[in-house]
């Protein structure tokens, strides 16, 4: 089971979509405070539809709290447009149970965090010339399904 981690999420629509995606893909959703909205927010529930009650949701006060509570062999992937390694060829193979860490919509993961975890930082290749980034829920879907593709046996 993969773990979607949203570090300081700001937009309830994206978090609702991530929760719905978690249910569809058999993943967990981890939220790192502060949140830019209430978990009771109507927009969150609207996007999550009737799936929200099935979301395996974990809320943490800090990333450090999550890191220290994770299994000793847990693999964290820090997603950023500033990373050099691609999700298509990560330095270490995808592993079921990986934590996929995404930053806030307006600024992404802090550069200090990326420096401290440079070997685990990945980016989604964007061959188009005029885009800086993708919508957060789109990026989560791309990364999660690539990880699933790489760890699933052929049907």
C-alpha atoms as a PDB file:
ATOM      1  CA  UNK A   1       0.000   0.000   0.000  1.00  0.00           C
ATOM      2  CA  UNK A   2       1.487   3.311  -1.080  1.00  0.00           C
ATOM      3  CA  UNK A   3       1.205   6.376   1.150  1.00  0.00           C
ATOM      4  CA  UNK A   4       0.305   9.786  -0.285  1.00  0.00           C
ATOM      5  CA  UNK A   5       1.748  12.501   1.953  1.00  0.00           C
ATOM      6  CA  UNK A   6       0.586  16.098   1.591  1.00  0.00           C
ATOM      7  CA  UNK A   7       2.941  18.492   3.354  1.00  0.00           C
ATOM      8  CA  UNK A   8       1.063  21.646   4.404  1.00  0.00           C
ATOM      9  CA  UNK A   9      -1.745  21.285   1.832  1.00  0.00           C
ATOM     10  CA  UNK A  10      -3.552  24.527   1.050  1.00  0.00           C
ATOM     11  CA  UNK A  11      -6.477  23.706  -1.237  1.00  0.00           C
ATOM     12  CA  UNK A  12      -9.320  21.466  -0.048  1.00  0.00           C
ATOM     13  CA  UNK A  13     -10.254  20.418  -3.601  1.00  0.00           C
ATOM     14  CA  UNK A  14      -6.828  18.863  -4.135  1.00  0.00           C
ATOM     15  CA  UNK A  15      -6.893  17.065  -0.797  1.00  0.00           C
ATOM     16  CA  UNK A  16     -10.381  15.739  -1.536  1.00  0.00           C
ATOM     17  CA  UNK A  17      -9.179  14.487  -4.916  1.00  0.00           C
ATOM     18  CA  UNK A  18      -6.121  12.884  -3.262  1.00  0.00           C
ATOM     19  CA  UNK A  19      -8.404  11.104  -0.801  1.00  0.00           C
ATOM     20  CA  UNK A  20     -10.600   9.812  -3.593  1.00  0.00           C
ATOM     21  CA  UNK A  21      -7.484   8.672  -5.454  1.00  0.00           C
ATOM     22  CA  UNK A  22      -6.223   6.908  -2.310  1.00  0.00           C
ATOM     23  CA  UNK A  23      -9.450   4.915  -2.100  1.00  0.00           C
ATOM     24  CA  UNK A  24      -9.322   4.009  -5.804  1.00  0.00           C
ATOM     25  CA  UNK A  25      -5.676   2.897  -5.657  1.00  0.00           C
ATOM     26  CA  UNK A  26      -5.718   1.209  -2.255  1.00  0.00           C
ATOM     27  CA  UNK A  27      -3.385   3.844  -0.770  1.00  0.00           C
ATOM     28  CA  UNK A  28      -3.272   5.816   2.472  1.00  0.00           C
ATOM     29  CA  UNK A  29      -3.491   9.593   2.787  1.00  0.00           C
ATOM     30  CA  UNK A  30      -1.210  11.369   5.266  1.00  0.00           C
ATOM     31  CA  UNK A  31      -1.622  15.090   5.925  1.00  0.00           C
ATOM     32  CA  UNK A  32       1.088  17.174   7.579  1.00  0.00           C
ATOM     33  CA  UNK A  33      -0.103  20.226   9.528  1.00  0.00           C
ATOM     34  CA  UNK A  34      -0.678  23.058   9.176  1.00  0.00           C
ATOM     35  CA  UNK A  35      -3.566  22.524   6.810  1.00  0.00           C
ATOM     36  CA  UNK A  36      -4.911  25.460   4.806  1.00  0.00           C
ATOM     37  CA  UNK A  37      -8.495  24.359   5.519  1.00  0.00           C
ATOM     38  CA  UNK A  38     -10.641  22.408   7.950  1.00  0.00           C
ATOM     39  CA  UNK A  39     -11.141  18.686   7.418  1.00  0.00           C
ATOM     40  CA  UNK A  40     -14.842  19.477   7.781  1.00  0.00           C
ATOM     41  CA  UNK A  41     -14.670  21.836   4.783  1.00  0.00           C
ATOM     42  CA  UNK A  42     -17.580  21.295   2.410  1.00  0.00           C
ATOM     43  CA  UNK A  43     -15.304  21.540  -0.656  1.00  0.00           C
ATOM     44  CA  UNK A  44     -13.162  18.692   0.637  1.00  0.00           C
ATOM     45  CA  UNK A  45     -16.210  16.480   1.091  1.00  0.00           C
ATOM     46  CA  UNK A  46     -17.691  17.576  -2.250  1.00  0.00           C
ATOM     47  CA  UNK A  47     -14.613  16.489  -4.223  1.00  0.00           C
ATOM     48  CA  UNK A  48     -14.157  13.365  -2.107  1.00  0.00           C
ATOM     49  CA  UNK A  49     -17.832  12.523  -2.711  1.00  0.00           C
ATOM     50  CA  UNK A  50     -19.075   9.541  -0.749  1.00  0.00           C
ATOM     51  CA  UNK A  51     -15.538   8.083  -0.831  1.00  0.00           C
ATOM     52  CA  UNK A  52     -14.262  10.338   1.944  1.00  0.00           C
ATOM     53  CA  UNK A  53     -15.525   8.022   4.688  1.00  0.00           C
ATOM     54  CA  UNK A  54     -13.345   5.238   3.231  1.00  0.00           C
ATOM     55  CA  UNK A  55     -10.118   7.255   3.065  1.00  0.00           C
ATOM     56  CA  UNK A  56      -7.395   5.753   5.292  1.00  0.00           C
ATOM     57  CA  UNK A  57      -6.497   9.168   6.714  1.00  0.00           C
ATOM     58  CA  UNK A  58      -3.619  10.037   9.044  1.00  0.00           C
ATOM     59  CA  UNK A  59      -2.954  13.587  10.230  1.00  0.00           C
ATOM     60  CA  UNK A  60       0.460  14.524  11.641  1.00  0.00           C
ATOM     61  CA  UNK A  61       1.644  17.612  13.479  1.00  0.00           C
ATOM     62  CA  UNK A  62       4.964  17.579  11.621  1.00  0.00           C
ATOM     63  CA  UNK A  63       6.895  15.715   8.965  1.00  0.00           C
ATOM     64  CA  UNK A  64       9.427  14.755  11.638  1.00  0.00           C
ATOM     65  CA  UNK A  65       6.641  13.018  13.566  1.00  0.00           C
ATOM     66  CA  UNK A  66       5.736  10.957  10.486  1.00  0.00           C
ATOM     67  CA  UNK A  67       9.377  10.180   9.669  1.00  0.00           C
ATOM     68  CA  UNK A  68      10.061   8.945  13.199  1.00  0.00           C
ATOM     69  CA  UNK A  69       6.950   6.774  13.321  1.00  0.00           C
ATOM     70  CA  UNK A  70       7.501   5.108   9.930  1.00  0.00           C
ATOM     71  CA  UNK A  71       8.923   1.624   9.620  1.00  0.00           C
ATOM     72  CA  UNK A  72      12.736   1.511   9.757  1.00  0.00           C
ATOM     73  CA  UNK A  73      12.936   0.357   6.126  1.00  0.00           C
ATOM     74  CA  UNK A  74      10.368   2.891   4.866  1.00  0.00           C
ATOM     75  CA  UNK A  75      11.281   4.630   1.649  1.00  0.00           C
ATOM     76  CA  UNK A  76      10.276   8.284   1.320  1.00  0.00           C
ATOM     77  CA  UNK A  77      10.054   9.931  -2.123  1.00  0.00           C
ATOM     78  CA  UNK A  78      10.056  13.732  -2.179  1.00  0.00           C
ATOM     79  CA  UNK A  79       8.367  15.056  -5.332  1.00  0.00           C
ATOM     80  CA  UNK A  80       9.468  18.392  -6.707  1.00  0.00           C
ATOM     81  CA  UNK A  81       9.994  20.196  -9.987  1.00  0.00           C
ATOM     82  CA  UNK A  82      13.432  21.078  -8.562  1.00  0.00           C
ATOM     83  CA  UNK A  83      14.569  17.434  -8.317  1.00  0.00           C
ATOM     84  CA  UNK A  84      16.907  16.022 -10.944  1.00  0.00           C
ATOM     85  CA  UNK A  85      15.954  12.317 -10.847  1.00  0.00           C
ATOM     86  CA  UNK A  86      12.875  11.284 -12.827  1.00  0.00           C
ATOM     87  CA  UNK A  87       9.982   9.163 -11.601  1.00  0.00           C
ATOM     88  CA  UNK A  88      10.563   7.008 -14.710  1.00  0.00           C
ATOM     89  CA  UNK A  89      14.078   6.034 -13.497  1.00  0.00           C
ATOM     90  CA  UNK A  90      14.316   6.561  -9.730  1.00  0.00           C
ATOM     91  CA  UNK A  91      17.715   5.948  -8.054  1.00  0.00           C
ATOM     92  CA  UNK A  92      16.146   3.089  -6.069  1.00  0.00           C
ATOM     93  CA  UNK A  93      13.288   0.941  -7.377  1.00  0.00           C
ATOM     94  CA  UNK A  94       9.729   1.689  -6.371  1.00  0.00           C
ATOM     95  CA  UNK A  95       8.631  -0.398  -3.412  1.00  0.00           C
ATOM     96  CA  UNK A  96       5.131  -1.126  -2.185  1.00  0.00           C
ATOM     97  CA  UNK A  97       4.710   1.000   0.922  1.00  0.00           C
ATOM     98  CA  UNK A  98       6.717   3.997  -0.319  1.00  0.00           C
ATOM     99  CA  UNK A  99       5.724   7.376   1.073  1.00  0.00           C
ATOM    100  CA  UNK A 100       5.111   9.867  -1.759  1.00  0.00           C
ATOM    101  CA  UNK A 101       5.631  13.352  -0.297  1.00  0.00           C
ATOM    102  CA  UNK A 102       4.148  16.363  -2.107  1.00  0.00           C
ATOM    103  CA  UNK A 103       4.505  20.012  -1.091  1.00  0.00           C
ATOM    104  CA  UNK A 104       1.946  22.789  -0.801  1.00  0.00           C
ATOM    105  CA  UNK A 105       0.343  23.984  -4.007  1.00  0.00           C
ATOM    106  CA  UNK A 106       1.723  27.524  -3.949  1.00  0.00           C
ATOM    107  CA  UNK A 107       5.398  26.772  -3.296  1.00  0.00           C
ATOM    108  CA  UNK A 108       6.186  23.058  -3.271  1.00  0.00           C
ATOM    109  CA  UNK A 109       8.497  21.371  -0.781  1.00  0.00           C
ATOM    110  CA  UNK A 110      11.018  23.606   1.016  1.00  0.00           C
ATOM    111  CA  UNK A 111      14.463  23.647  -0.586  1.00  0.00           C
ATOM    112  CA  UNK A 112      16.046  22.744   2.771  1.00  0.00           C
ATOM    113  CA  UNK A 113      13.973  19.571   2.886  1.00  0.00           C
ATOM    114  CA  UNK A 114      14.968  18.707  -0.678  1.00  0.00           C
ATOM    115  CA  UNK A 115      18.656  19.292   0.137  1.00  0.00           C
ATOM    116  CA  UNK A 116      18.391  16.982   3.165  1.00  0.00           C
ATOM    117  CA  UNK A 117      16.716  14.273   1.066  1.00  0.00           C
ATOM    118  CA  UNK A 118      18.336  14.889  -2.317  1.00  0.00           C
ATOM    119  CA  UNK A 119      18.847  11.171  -3.023  1.00  0.00           C
ATOM    120  CA  UNK A 120      15.101  10.577  -2.586  1.00  0.00           C
ATOM    121  CA  UNK A 121      13.903  13.610  -4.570  1.00  0.00           C
ATOM    122  CA  UNK A 122      12.058  12.904  -7.820  1.00  0.00           C
ATOM    123  CA  UNK A 123      10.394  14.966 -10.529  1.00  0.00           C
ATOM    124  CA  UNK A 124       7.759  14.320 -13.155  1.00  0.00           C
ATOM    125  CA  UNK A 125       9.295  15.011 -16.586  1.00  0.00           C
ATOM    126  CA  UNK A 126       7.471  17.795 -18.406  1.00  0.00           C
ATOM    127  CA  UNK A 127       8.651  18.014 -22.013  1.00  0.00           C
ATOM    128  CA  UNK A 128       6.327  20.949 -22.718  1.00  0.00           C
ATOM    129  CA  UNK A 129       8.167  24.276 -22.834  1.00  0.00           C
ATOM    130  CA  UNK A 130       5.740  26.592 -21.060  1.00  0.00           C
ATOM    131  CA  UNK A 131       4.651  24.773 -17.882  1.00  0.00           C
ATOM    132  CA  UNK A 132       6.292  25.255 -14.496  1.00  0.00           C
ATOM    133  CA  UNK A 133       4.286  22.579 -12.722  1.00  0.00           C
ATOM    134  CA  UNK A 134       1.179  20.409 -12.723  1.00  0.00           C
ATOM    135  CA  UNK A 135      -1.910  20.589 -10.562  1.00  0.00           C
ATOM    136  CA  UNK A 136      -1.223  18.748  -7.295  1.00  0.00           C
ATOM    137  CA  UNK A 137      -3.932  16.116  -7.724  1.00  0.00           C
ATOM    138  CA  UNK A 138      -2.743  15.445 -11.289  1.00  0.00           C
ATOM    139  CA  UNK A 139       0.852  15.044 -10.089  1.00  0.00           C
ATOM    140  CA  UNK A 140      -0.241  12.658  -7.325  1.00  0.00           C
ATOM    141  CA  UNK A 141      -2.133  10.505  -9.835  1.00  0.00           C
ATOM    142  CA  UNK A 142       0.819  10.323 -12.226  1.00  0.00           C
ATOM    143  CA  UNK A 143       3.331   9.369  -9.524  1.00  0.00           C
ATOM    144  CA  UNK A 144       1.051   6.949  -7.683  1.00  0.00           C
ATOM    145  CA  UNK A 145       0.063   5.041 -10.802  1.00  0.00           C
ATOM    146  CA  UNK A 146       3.671   4.896 -12.039  1.00  0.00           C
ATOM    147  CA  UNK A 147       4.660   3.410  -8.678  1.00  0.00           C
ATOM    148  CA  UNK A 148       1.775   0.936  -8.880  1.00  0.00           C
ATOM    149  CA  UNK A 149       2.710   0.020 -12.454  1.00  0.00           C
ATOM    150  CA  UNK A 150       6.306  -0.672 -11.441  1.00  0.00           C
ATOM    151  CA  UNK A 151       5.381  -2.827  -8.440  1.00  0.00           C
ATOM    152  CA  UNK A 152       2.408  -4.775  -9.814  1.00  0.00           C
ATOM    153  CA  UNK A 153       2.695  -8.080 -11.589  1.00  0.00           C
ATOM    154  CA  UNK A 154       1.410  -8.098 -15.165  1.00  0.00           C
ATOM    155  CA  UNK A 155      -2.275  -8.924 -15.568  1.00  0.00           C
END
